[in-house]
């Protein structure tokens, strides 16, 4: 009886910790992260060089995942969300896909979405020709979204990663 009571207490304590961890991660996401959709951002850019219609070849096929946690001491809350999408690109003609133009337009759209979510863009840049990042702050949260792309034949694969933390 004594061991089963101890086991029950341990299970209850673990359940409470998991519940608090999950609640903490959900509470500490920015408005931008809560609303962000890579597919939606691509469609909102309205870039001429991509196929955006429904059905085969249109923007879609999004894959995503997220993690979150509370750091040592319980004060630092971190969230990380990754997603990917792909779409067909126009390789020839007047509406030909130009990666630098597309990524510039997407970067502008991301900055606009951050500001519409009551965040402030604090930095942005590019580590490579096919990649960019935007650093932002919303309340006590600091975040960075990194987007990179690569052409694969007539398809373009786009990946995003958003990391947020309340660490000061």
N, C-alpha and C. Protein backbone atom coordinates (compact mmCIF):
# COMPACT_ATOMS: atom_id res chain seq x y z
N UNK A 1 0.82 -1.19 0.00
CA UNK A 1 0.00 0.00 0.00
C UNK A 1 0.86 1.25 0.00
N UNK A 2 1.93 1.21 0.77
CA UNK A 2 2.80 2.36 0.90
C UNK A 2 3.46 2.70 -0.45
N UNK A 3 3.96 1.70 -1.18
CA UNK A 3 4.60 1.91 -2.48
C UNK A 3 3.61 2.41 -3.53
N UNK A 4 2.38 1.89 -3.50
CA UNK A 4 1.40 2.34 -4.48
C UNK A 4 1.01 3.80 -4.25
N UNK A 5 0.95 4.20 -2.98
CA UNK A 5 0.64 5.60 -2.66
C UNK A 5 1.78 6.51 -3.13
N UNK A 6 3.02 6.06 -2.94
CA UNK A 6 4.19 6.81 -3.38
C UNK A 6 4.19 6.91 -4.91
N UNK A 7 3.87 5.82 -5.59
CA UNK A 7 3.80 5.82 -7.05
C UNK A 7 2.71 6.75 -7.55
N UNK A 8 1.57 6.74 -6.88
CA UNK A 8 0.47 7.62 -7.25
C UNK A 8 0.88 9.08 -7.08
N UNK A 9 1.55 9.41 -6.00
CA UNK A 9 2.04 10.77 -5.78
C UNK A 9 3.03 11.19 -6.86
N UNK A 10 3.91 10.28 -7.25
CA UNK A 10 4.89 10.56 -8.31
C UNK A 10 4.19 10.82 -9.63
N UNK A 11 3.22 9.98 -9.96
CA UNK A 11 2.46 10.17 -11.20
C UNK A 11 1.72 11.51 -11.18
N UNK A 12 1.10 11.84 -10.06
CA UNK A 12 0.39 13.12 -9.95
C UNK A 12 1.34 14.30 -10.11
N UNK A 13 2.52 14.22 -9.51
CA UNK A 13 3.50 15.30 -9.62
C UNK A 13 3.97 15.45 -11.07
N UNK A 14 4.23 14.33 -11.76
CA UNK A 14 4.65 14.39 -13.17
C UNK A 14 3.54 14.97 -14.04
N UNK A 15 2.31 14.55 -13.80
CA UNK A 15 1.17 15.07 -14.57
C UNK A 15 1.04 16.58 -14.37
N UNK A 16 1.19 17.06 -13.15
CA UNK A 16 1.11 18.49 -12.87
C UNK A 16 2.23 19.24 -13.58
N UNK A 17 3.44 18.68 -13.57
CA UNK A 17 4.58 19.34 -14.23
C UNK A 17 4.36 19.42 -15.73
N UNK A 18 3.88 18.33 -16.34
CA UNK A 18 3.61 18.34 -17.79
C UNK A 18 2.53 19.35 -18.13
N UNK A 19 1.49 19.42 -17.32
CA UNK A 19 0.40 20.38 -17.54
C UNK A 19 0.92 21.80 -17.45
N UNK A 20 1.72 22.10 -16.45
CA UNK A 20 2.28 23.44 -16.31
C UNK A 20 3.21 23.77 -17.46
N UNK A 21 4.03 22.81 -17.88
CA UNK A 21 4.95 23.03 -19.00
C UNK A 21 4.17 23.34 -20.26
N UNK A 22 3.15 22.57 -20.56
CA UNK A 22 2.34 22.80 -21.75
C UNK A 22 1.64 24.14 -21.69
N UNK A 23 1.08 24.48 -20.55
CA UNK A 23 0.39 25.76 -20.42
C UNK A 23 1.36 26.91 -20.56
N UNK A 24 2.55 26.77 -19.99
CA UNK A 24 3.56 27.83 -20.08
C UNK A 24 3.97 28.08 -21.51
N UNK A 25 4.14 27.04 -22.29
CA UNK A 25 4.57 27.20 -23.68
C UNK A 25 3.49 27.89 -24.51
N UNK A 26 2.24 27.55 -24.28
CA UNK A 26 1.17 28.16 -25.04
C UNK A 26 0.95 29.63 -24.67
N UNK A 27 1.12 29.96 -23.42
CA UNK A 27 0.89 31.31 -22.96
C UNK A 27 1.95 32.26 -23.51
N UNK A 28 3.17 31.79 -23.68
CA UNK A 28 4.29 32.66 -24.02
C UNK A 28 4.64 32.68 -25.51
N UNK A 29 3.69 32.56 -26.37
CA UNK A 29 3.93 32.72 -27.81
C UNK A 29 3.46 34.10 -28.22
N UNK A 30 4.20 34.70 -29.13
CA UNK A 30 3.81 36.03 -29.63
C UNK A 30 2.59 35.91 -30.52
N UNK A 31 1.94 37.03 -30.75
CA UNK A 31 0.83 37.06 -31.69
C UNK A 31 1.27 36.65 -33.08
N UNK A 32 2.47 37.07 -33.47
CA UNK A 32 3.00 36.70 -34.79
C UNK A 32 3.14 35.19 -34.90
N UNK A 33 3.79 34.54 -33.94
CA UNK A 33 3.99 33.10 -33.99
C UNK A 33 2.66 32.36 -33.95
N UNK A 34 1.72 32.84 -33.16
CA UNK A 34 0.42 32.19 -33.06
C UNK A 34 -0.35 32.19 -34.38
N UNK A 35 -0.15 33.23 -35.20
CA UNK A 35 -0.90 33.38 -36.45
C UNK A 35 -0.12 32.97 -37.70
N UNK A 36 1.19 32.74 -37.57
CA UNK A 36 2.03 32.55 -38.75
C UNK A 36 1.70 31.29 -39.52
N UNK A 37 1.64 31.43 -40.84
CA UNK A 37 1.47 30.31 -41.77
C UNK A 37 2.40 30.57 -42.95
N UNK A 38 3.34 29.66 -43.18
CA UNK A 38 4.27 29.83 -44.30
C UNK A 38 3.52 29.84 -45.63
N UNK A 39 2.58 28.91 -45.81
CA UNK A 39 1.76 28.88 -47.03
C UNK A 39 1.03 30.20 -47.23
N UNK A 40 0.39 30.68 -46.16
CA UNK A 40 -0.36 31.93 -46.23
C UNK A 40 0.53 33.11 -46.58
N UNK A 41 1.72 33.17 -46.01
CA UNK A 41 2.65 34.27 -46.31
C UNK A 41 3.07 34.25 -47.77
N UNK A 42 3.34 33.06 -48.30
CA UNK A 42 3.72 32.96 -49.72
C UNK A 42 2.57 33.44 -50.60
N UNK A 43 1.35 33.01 -50.30
CA UNK A 43 0.19 33.44 -51.10
C UNK A 43 -0.02 34.94 -50.99
N UNK A 44 0.19 35.51 -49.79
CA UNK A 44 0.00 36.95 -49.60
C UNK A 44 1.00 37.79 -50.39
N UNK A 45 2.18 37.24 -50.67
CA UNK A 45 3.18 37.97 -51.47
C UNK A 45 2.64 38.20 -52.88
N UNK A 46 1.94 37.21 -53.42
CA UNK A 46 1.37 37.33 -54.77
C UNK A 46 2.44 37.47 -55.84
N UNK A 47 3.54 36.77 -55.68
CA UNK A 47 4.65 36.88 -56.63
C UNK A 47 4.30 36.26 -57.97
N UNK A 48 4.59 36.95 -59.04
CA UNK A 48 4.23 36.54 -60.40
C UNK A 48 4.88 35.25 -60.87
N UNK A 49 6.02 34.88 -60.33
CA UNK A 49 6.78 33.74 -60.84
C UNK A 49 6.43 32.41 -60.24
N UNK A 50 5.38 32.35 -59.41
CA UNK A 50 5.00 31.08 -58.82
C UNK A 50 3.57 30.72 -59.19
N UNK A 51 3.29 29.42 -59.16
CA UNK A 51 1.95 28.92 -59.44
C UNK A 51 1.23 28.86 -58.10
N UNK A 52 0.15 29.64 -57.95
CA UNK A 52 -0.54 29.71 -56.66
C UNK A 52 -1.94 29.11 -56.69
N UNK A 53 -2.36 28.56 -57.81
CA UNK A 53 -3.71 28.00 -57.88
C UNK A 53 -3.86 26.75 -57.05
N UNK A 54 -5.11 26.35 -56.85
CA UNK A 54 -5.38 25.11 -56.12
C UNK A 54 -5.05 23.92 -57.01
N UNK A 55 -4.87 22.79 -56.36
CA UNK A 55 -4.61 21.57 -57.09
C UNK A 55 -3.12 21.33 -57.25
N UNK A 56 -2.75 20.38 -58.13
CA UNK A 56 -1.35 20.02 -58.30
C UNK A 56 -0.50 21.23 -58.71
N UNK A 57 0.59 21.43 -58.01
CA UNK A 57 1.51 22.50 -58.37
C UNK A 57 1.27 23.80 -57.64
N UNK A 58 0.12 23.97 -57.02
CA UNK A 58 -0.13 25.21 -56.28
C UNK A 58 0.64 25.22 -54.98
N UNK A 59 0.64 26.36 -54.31
CA UNK A 59 1.32 26.45 -53.04
C UNK A 59 0.67 25.48 -52.07
N UNK A 60 1.47 24.71 -51.38
CA UNK A 60 0.91 23.78 -50.41
C UNK A 60 1.88 22.70 -50.03
N UNK A 61 1.36 21.70 -49.39
CA UNK A 61 2.19 20.61 -48.93
C UNK A 61 2.99 20.99 -47.70
N UNK A 62 2.42 21.80 -46.85
CA UNK A 62 3.13 22.29 -45.67
C UNK A 62 3.38 21.18 -44.66
N UNK A 63 4.57 21.22 -44.08
CA UNK A 63 4.96 20.30 -43.03
C UNK A 63 5.39 21.18 -41.86
N UNK A 64 5.01 20.84 -40.66
CA UNK A 64 5.41 21.68 -39.53
C UNK A 64 5.66 20.88 -38.28
N UNK A 65 6.30 21.55 -37.33
CA UNK A 65 6.55 20.94 -36.04
C UNK A 65 6.92 22.02 -35.05
N UNK A 66 6.71 21.75 -33.77
CA UNK A 66 7.05 22.77 -32.78
C UNK A 66 7.55 22.12 -31.51
N UNK A 67 8.35 22.88 -30.78
CA UNK A 67 8.82 22.46 -29.47
C UNK A 67 8.73 23.64 -28.53
N UNK A 68 8.76 23.38 -27.28
CA UNK A 68 8.76 24.46 -26.29
C UNK A 68 9.26 23.92 -24.98
N UNK A 69 9.68 24.83 -24.12
CA UNK A 69 10.17 24.38 -22.83
C UNK A 69 10.49 25.52 -21.92
N UNK A 70 10.66 25.17 -20.67
CA UNK A 70 11.05 26.14 -19.65
C UNK A 70 12.49 25.83 -19.28
N UNK A 71 13.32 26.84 -19.32
CA UNK A 71 14.74 26.67 -19.06
C UNK A 71 15.05 26.46 -17.59
N UNK A 72 16.33 26.26 -17.28
CA UNK A 72 16.75 26.06 -15.90
C UNK A 72 16.30 27.22 -15.02
N UNK A 73 15.83 26.92 -13.86
CA UNK A 73 15.37 27.95 -12.94
C UNK A 73 13.94 28.37 -13.20
N UNK A 74 13.32 27.89 -14.29
CA UNK A 74 11.92 28.16 -14.56
C UNK A 74 11.62 29.51 -15.17
N UNK A 75 12.61 30.36 -15.40
CA UNK A 75 12.31 31.71 -15.88
C UNK A 75 12.36 31.88 -17.38
N UNK A 76 13.12 31.08 -18.08
CA UNK A 76 13.33 31.24 -19.51
C UNK A 76 12.39 30.31 -20.28
N UNK A 77 11.45 30.90 -21.03
CA UNK A 77 10.51 30.10 -21.81
C UNK A 77 10.91 30.22 -23.28
N UNK A 78 11.05 29.09 -23.95
CA UNK A 78 11.45 29.06 -25.35
C UNK A 78 10.43 28.29 -26.17
N UNK A 79 10.22 28.77 -27.40
CA UNK A 79 9.38 28.06 -28.37
C UNK A 79 10.12 28.01 -29.68
N UNK A 80 9.93 26.93 -30.41
CA UNK A 80 10.53 26.79 -31.73
C UNK A 80 9.51 26.11 -32.64
N UNK A 81 9.27 26.71 -33.80
CA UNK A 81 8.32 26.16 -34.75
C UNK A 81 8.98 26.13 -36.13
N UNK A 82 8.94 24.98 -36.78
CA UNK A 82 9.49 24.84 -38.12
C UNK A 82 8.38 24.40 -39.07
N UNK A 83 8.48 24.86 -40.31
CA UNK A 83 7.52 24.42 -41.32
C UNK A 83 8.19 24.47 -42.69
N UNK A 84 7.57 23.80 -43.64
CA UNK A 84 8.08 23.77 -45.00
C UNK A 84 6.91 23.71 -45.97
N UNK A 85 7.13 24.23 -47.15
CA UNK A 85 6.13 24.18 -48.20
C UNK A 85 6.85 24.12 -49.54
N UNK A 86 6.15 23.77 -50.57
CA UNK A 86 6.73 23.76 -51.91
C UNK A 86 5.68 24.20 -52.92
N UNK A 87 6.17 24.68 -54.06
CA UNK A 87 5.27 25.13 -55.11
C UNK A 87 6.02 25.10 -56.44
N UNK A 88 5.26 25.13 -57.52
CA UNK A 88 5.86 25.17 -58.85
C UNK A 88 6.27 26.59 -59.19
N UNK A 89 7.34 26.70 -59.98
CA UNK A 89 7.82 28.01 -60.40
C UNK A 89 7.82 28.09 -61.93
N UNK A 90 7.65 29.31 -62.43
CA UNK A 90 7.75 29.57 -63.86
C UNK A 90 9.22 29.76 -64.20
N UNK A 91 9.75 28.95 -65.12
CA UNK A 91 11.17 29.01 -65.44
C UNK A 91 11.47 29.89 -66.65
N UNK A 92 10.47 30.25 -67.40
CA UNK A 92 10.70 31.01 -68.62
C UNK A 92 9.68 32.14 -68.76
N UNK A 93 9.98 33.06 -69.67
CA UNK A 93 9.03 34.10 -70.01
C UNK A 93 9.06 35.29 -69.09
N UNK A 94 8.09 36.16 -69.32
CA UNK A 94 7.98 37.41 -68.58
C UNK A 94 7.72 37.19 -67.09
N UNK A 95 7.01 36.14 -66.76
CA UNK A 95 6.68 35.83 -65.36
C UNK A 95 7.64 34.82 -64.74
N UNK A 96 8.87 34.81 -65.20
CA UNK A 96 9.88 33.87 -64.73
C UNK A 96 10.20 34.13 -63.26
N UNK A 97 10.43 33.05 -62.52
CA UNK A 97 10.76 33.11 -61.10
C UNK A 97 12.18 33.62 -60.92
N UNK A 98 12.34 34.66 -60.12
CA UNK A 98 13.66 35.19 -59.75
C UNK A 98 13.73 35.11 -58.23
N UNK A 99 14.56 34.21 -57.75
CA UNK A 99 14.62 33.92 -56.32
C UNK A 99 14.84 35.17 -55.47
N UNK A 100 15.76 36.02 -55.84
CA UNK A 100 16.06 37.21 -55.03
C UNK A 100 14.85 38.14 -54.93
N UNK A 101 14.10 38.30 -56.01
CA UNK A 101 12.89 39.14 -55.99
C UNK A 101 11.83 38.53 -55.08
N UNK A 102 11.65 37.22 -55.21
CA UNK A 102 10.65 36.53 -54.40
C UNK A 102 10.98 36.64 -52.91
N UNK A 103 12.23 36.35 -52.54
CA UNK A 103 12.61 36.39 -51.13
C UNK A 103 12.54 37.81 -50.57
N UNK A 104 12.83 38.80 -51.38
CA UNK A 104 12.70 40.20 -50.94
C UNK A 104 11.24 40.52 -50.63
N UNK A 105 10.34 40.09 -51.52
CA UNK A 105 8.91 40.30 -51.29
C UNK A 105 8.40 39.55 -50.08
N UNK A 106 8.87 38.33 -49.89
CA UNK A 106 8.46 37.53 -48.74
C UNK A 106 8.98 38.16 -47.45
N UNK A 107 10.20 38.67 -47.47
CA UNK A 107 10.75 39.35 -46.29
C UNK A 107 9.91 40.56 -45.91
N UNK A 108 9.49 41.33 -46.91
CA UNK A 108 8.63 42.49 -46.65
C UNK A 108 7.30 42.05 -46.04
N UNK A 109 6.74 40.96 -46.55
CA UNK A 109 5.48 40.44 -46.04
C UNK A 109 5.62 39.98 -44.60
N UNK A 110 6.72 39.31 -44.27
CA UNK A 110 6.96 38.84 -42.90
C UNK A 110 7.08 40.04 -41.95
N UNK A 111 7.83 41.05 -42.34
CA UNK A 111 7.97 42.25 -41.49
C UNK A 111 6.61 42.91 -41.26
N UNK A 112 5.79 42.96 -42.30
CA UNK A 112 4.44 43.53 -42.19
C UNK A 112 3.59 42.72 -41.21
N UNK A 113 3.67 41.40 -41.29
CA UNK A 113 2.90 40.53 -40.39
C UNK A 113 3.34 40.70 -38.94
N UNK A 114 4.62 40.86 -38.71
CA UNK A 114 5.13 41.08 -37.35
C UNK A 114 4.54 42.38 -36.80
N UNK A 115 4.59 43.44 -37.60
CA UNK A 115 4.07 44.73 -37.15
C UNK A 115 2.56 44.70 -36.95
N UNK A 116 1.83 43.98 -37.80
CA UNK A 116 0.38 43.86 -37.64
C UNK A 116 0.02 43.07 -36.38
N UNK A 117 0.94 42.25 -35.90
CA UNK A 117 0.73 41.48 -34.67
C UNK A 117 1.25 42.22 -33.44
N UNK A 118 1.50 43.51 -33.60
CA UNK A 118 1.96 44.39 -32.53
C UNK A 118 3.37 44.09 -32.06
N UNK A 119 4.20 43.57 -32.98
CA UNK A 119 5.61 43.35 -32.69
C UNK A 119 6.44 44.43 -33.35
N UNK A 120 7.69 44.51 -32.97
CA UNK A 120 8.63 45.46 -33.55
C UNK A 120 9.79 44.71 -34.19
N UNK A 121 10.08 45.03 -35.44
CA UNK A 121 11.23 44.46 -36.12
C UNK A 121 12.46 45.16 -35.57
N UNK A 122 13.43 44.39 -35.07
CA UNK A 122 14.62 45.00 -34.50
C UNK A 122 15.87 44.78 -35.35
N UNK A 123 15.83 43.82 -36.27
CA UNK A 123 16.96 43.58 -37.18
C UNK A 123 16.50 42.63 -38.28
N UNK A 124 17.20 42.68 -39.39
CA UNK A 124 16.96 41.70 -40.46
C UNK A 124 18.22 41.63 -41.31
N UNK A 125 18.36 40.53 -42.01
CA UNK A 125 19.54 40.37 -42.84
C UNK A 125 19.51 39.06 -43.58
N UNK A 126 20.64 38.74 -44.17
CA UNK A 126 20.74 37.55 -44.98
C UNK A 126 22.11 36.89 -44.77
N UNK A 127 22.10 35.60 -44.50
CA UNK A 127 23.34 34.85 -44.33
C UNK A 127 23.78 34.21 -45.64
N UNK A 128 22.86 34.11 -46.60
CA UNK A 128 23.15 33.50 -47.89
C UNK A 128 22.15 34.06 -48.91
N UNK A 129 22.44 33.95 -50.20
CA UNK A 129 21.53 34.50 -51.21
C UNK A 129 20.12 33.89 -51.19
N UNK A 130 19.98 32.67 -50.70
CA UNK A 130 18.67 32.00 -50.69
C UNK A 130 18.04 31.96 -49.30
N UNK A 131 18.44 32.89 -48.42
CA UNK A 131 17.99 32.85 -47.03
C UNK A 131 17.91 34.26 -46.46
N UNK A 132 16.98 34.46 -45.51
CA UNK A 132 16.94 35.71 -44.77
C UNK A 132 16.40 35.45 -43.37
N UNK A 133 16.62 36.41 -42.49
CA UNK A 133 16.09 36.33 -41.13
C UNK A 133 15.52 37.69 -40.74
N UNK A 134 14.60 37.66 -39.80
CA UNK A 134 14.03 38.87 -39.21
C UNK A 134 13.98 38.65 -37.71
N UNK A 135 14.61 39.55 -36.96
CA UNK A 135 14.54 39.54 -35.50
C UNK A 135 13.44 40.50 -35.08
N UNK A 136 12.69 40.11 -34.05
CA UNK A 136 11.58 40.96 -33.60
C UNK A 136 11.42 40.85 -32.10
N UNK A 137 10.66 41.79 -31.57
CA UNK A 137 10.36 41.83 -30.14
C UNK A 137 8.87 42.13 -30.00
N UNK A 138 8.23 41.38 -29.12
CA UNK A 138 6.83 41.63 -28.80
C UNK A 138 6.66 41.44 -27.31
N UNK A 139 6.43 42.54 -26.60
CA UNK A 139 6.36 42.47 -25.15
C UNK A 139 7.69 42.02 -24.59
N UNK A 140 7.67 40.99 -23.73
CA UNK A 140 8.92 40.48 -23.17
C UNK A 140 9.52 39.35 -24.00
N UNK A 141 8.96 39.06 -25.16
CA UNK A 141 9.46 38.00 -26.03
C UNK A 141 10.37 38.56 -27.12
N UNK A 142 11.44 37.85 -27.38
CA UNK A 142 12.30 38.15 -28.53
C UNK A 142 12.23 36.95 -29.45
N UNK A 143 12.20 37.21 -30.75
CA UNK A 143 12.10 36.11 -31.69
C UNK A 143 12.93 36.33 -32.92
N UNK A 144 13.13 35.25 -33.65
CA UNK A 144 13.81 35.29 -34.95
C UNK A 144 13.12 34.29 -35.86
N UNK A 145 12.77 34.76 -37.04
CA UNK A 145 12.28 33.87 -38.09
C UNK A 145 13.36 33.80 -39.15
N UNK A 146 13.70 32.59 -39.54
CA UNK A 146 14.67 32.36 -40.61
C UNK A 146 13.95 31.60 -41.71
N UNK A 147 14.09 32.10 -42.94
CA UNK A 147 13.46 31.45 -44.09
C UNK A 147 14.54 31.18 -45.13
N UNK A 148 14.53 29.96 -45.66
CA UNK A 148 15.47 29.59 -46.72
C UNK A 148 14.73 28.82 -47.80
N UNK A 149 15.23 28.93 -49.02
CA UNK A 149 14.59 28.26 -50.13
C UNK A 149 15.60 27.62 -51.05
N UNK A 150 15.11 26.69 -51.86
CA UNK A 150 15.96 26.06 -52.87
C UNK A 150 15.10 25.55 -54.02
N UNK A 151 15.60 25.79 -55.23
CA UNK A 151 14.92 25.31 -56.43
C UNK A 151 15.32 23.87 -56.68
N UNK A 152 14.33 23.07 -57.04
CA UNK A 152 14.56 21.67 -57.41
C UNK A 152 13.77 21.40 -58.67
N UNK A 153 14.40 21.65 -59.80
CA UNK A 153 13.71 21.52 -61.08
C UNK A 153 12.67 22.62 -61.19
N UNK A 154 11.42 22.26 -61.45
CA UNK A 154 10.34 23.23 -61.56
C UNK A 154 9.69 23.54 -60.22
N UNK A 155 10.20 22.95 -59.16
CA UNK A 155 9.65 23.17 -57.82
C UNK A 155 10.59 24.04 -57.00
N UNK A 156 9.99 24.75 -56.06
CA UNK A 156 10.77 25.53 -55.10
C UNK A 156 10.34 25.09 -53.72
N UNK A 157 11.30 24.74 -52.88
CA UNK A 157 11.04 24.28 -51.52
C UNK A 157 11.45 25.40 -50.58
N UNK A 158 10.54 25.76 -49.69
CA UNK A 158 10.75 26.86 -48.76
C UNK A 158 10.62 26.33 -47.34
N UNK A 159 11.57 26.71 -46.47
CA UNK A 159 11.55 26.26 -45.08
C UNK A 159 11.59 27.47 -44.17
N UNK A 160 10.87 27.38 -43.06
CA UNK A 160 10.92 28.45 -42.06
C UNK A 160 11.19 27.85 -40.69
N UNK A 161 11.85 28.65 -39.87
CA UNK A 161 12.06 28.27 -38.48
C UNK A 161 11.88 29.54 -37.65
N UNK A 162 11.03 29.44 -36.64
CA UNK A 162 10.80 30.58 -35.73
C UNK A 162 11.22 30.13 -34.34
N UNK A 163 12.06 30.95 -33.71
CA UNK A 163 12.47 30.69 -32.33
C UNK A 163 12.12 31.91 -31.51
N UNK A 164 11.51 31.68 -30.35
CA UNK A 164 11.16 32.77 -29.44
C UNK A 164 11.63 32.43 -28.05
N UNK A 165 11.96 33.47 -27.29
CA UNK A 165 12.39 33.30 -25.91
C UNK A 165 12.07 34.56 -25.13
N UNK A 166 11.82 34.39 -23.85
CA UNK A 166 11.65 35.56 -23.01
C UNK A 166 12.94 35.90 -22.27
N UNK A 167 14.03 35.22 -22.62
CA UNK A 167 15.33 35.47 -21.99
C UNK A 167 15.78 36.88 -22.32
N UNK A 168 16.22 37.60 -21.33
CA UNK A 168 16.58 39.01 -21.55
C UNK A 168 18.03 39.18 -21.82
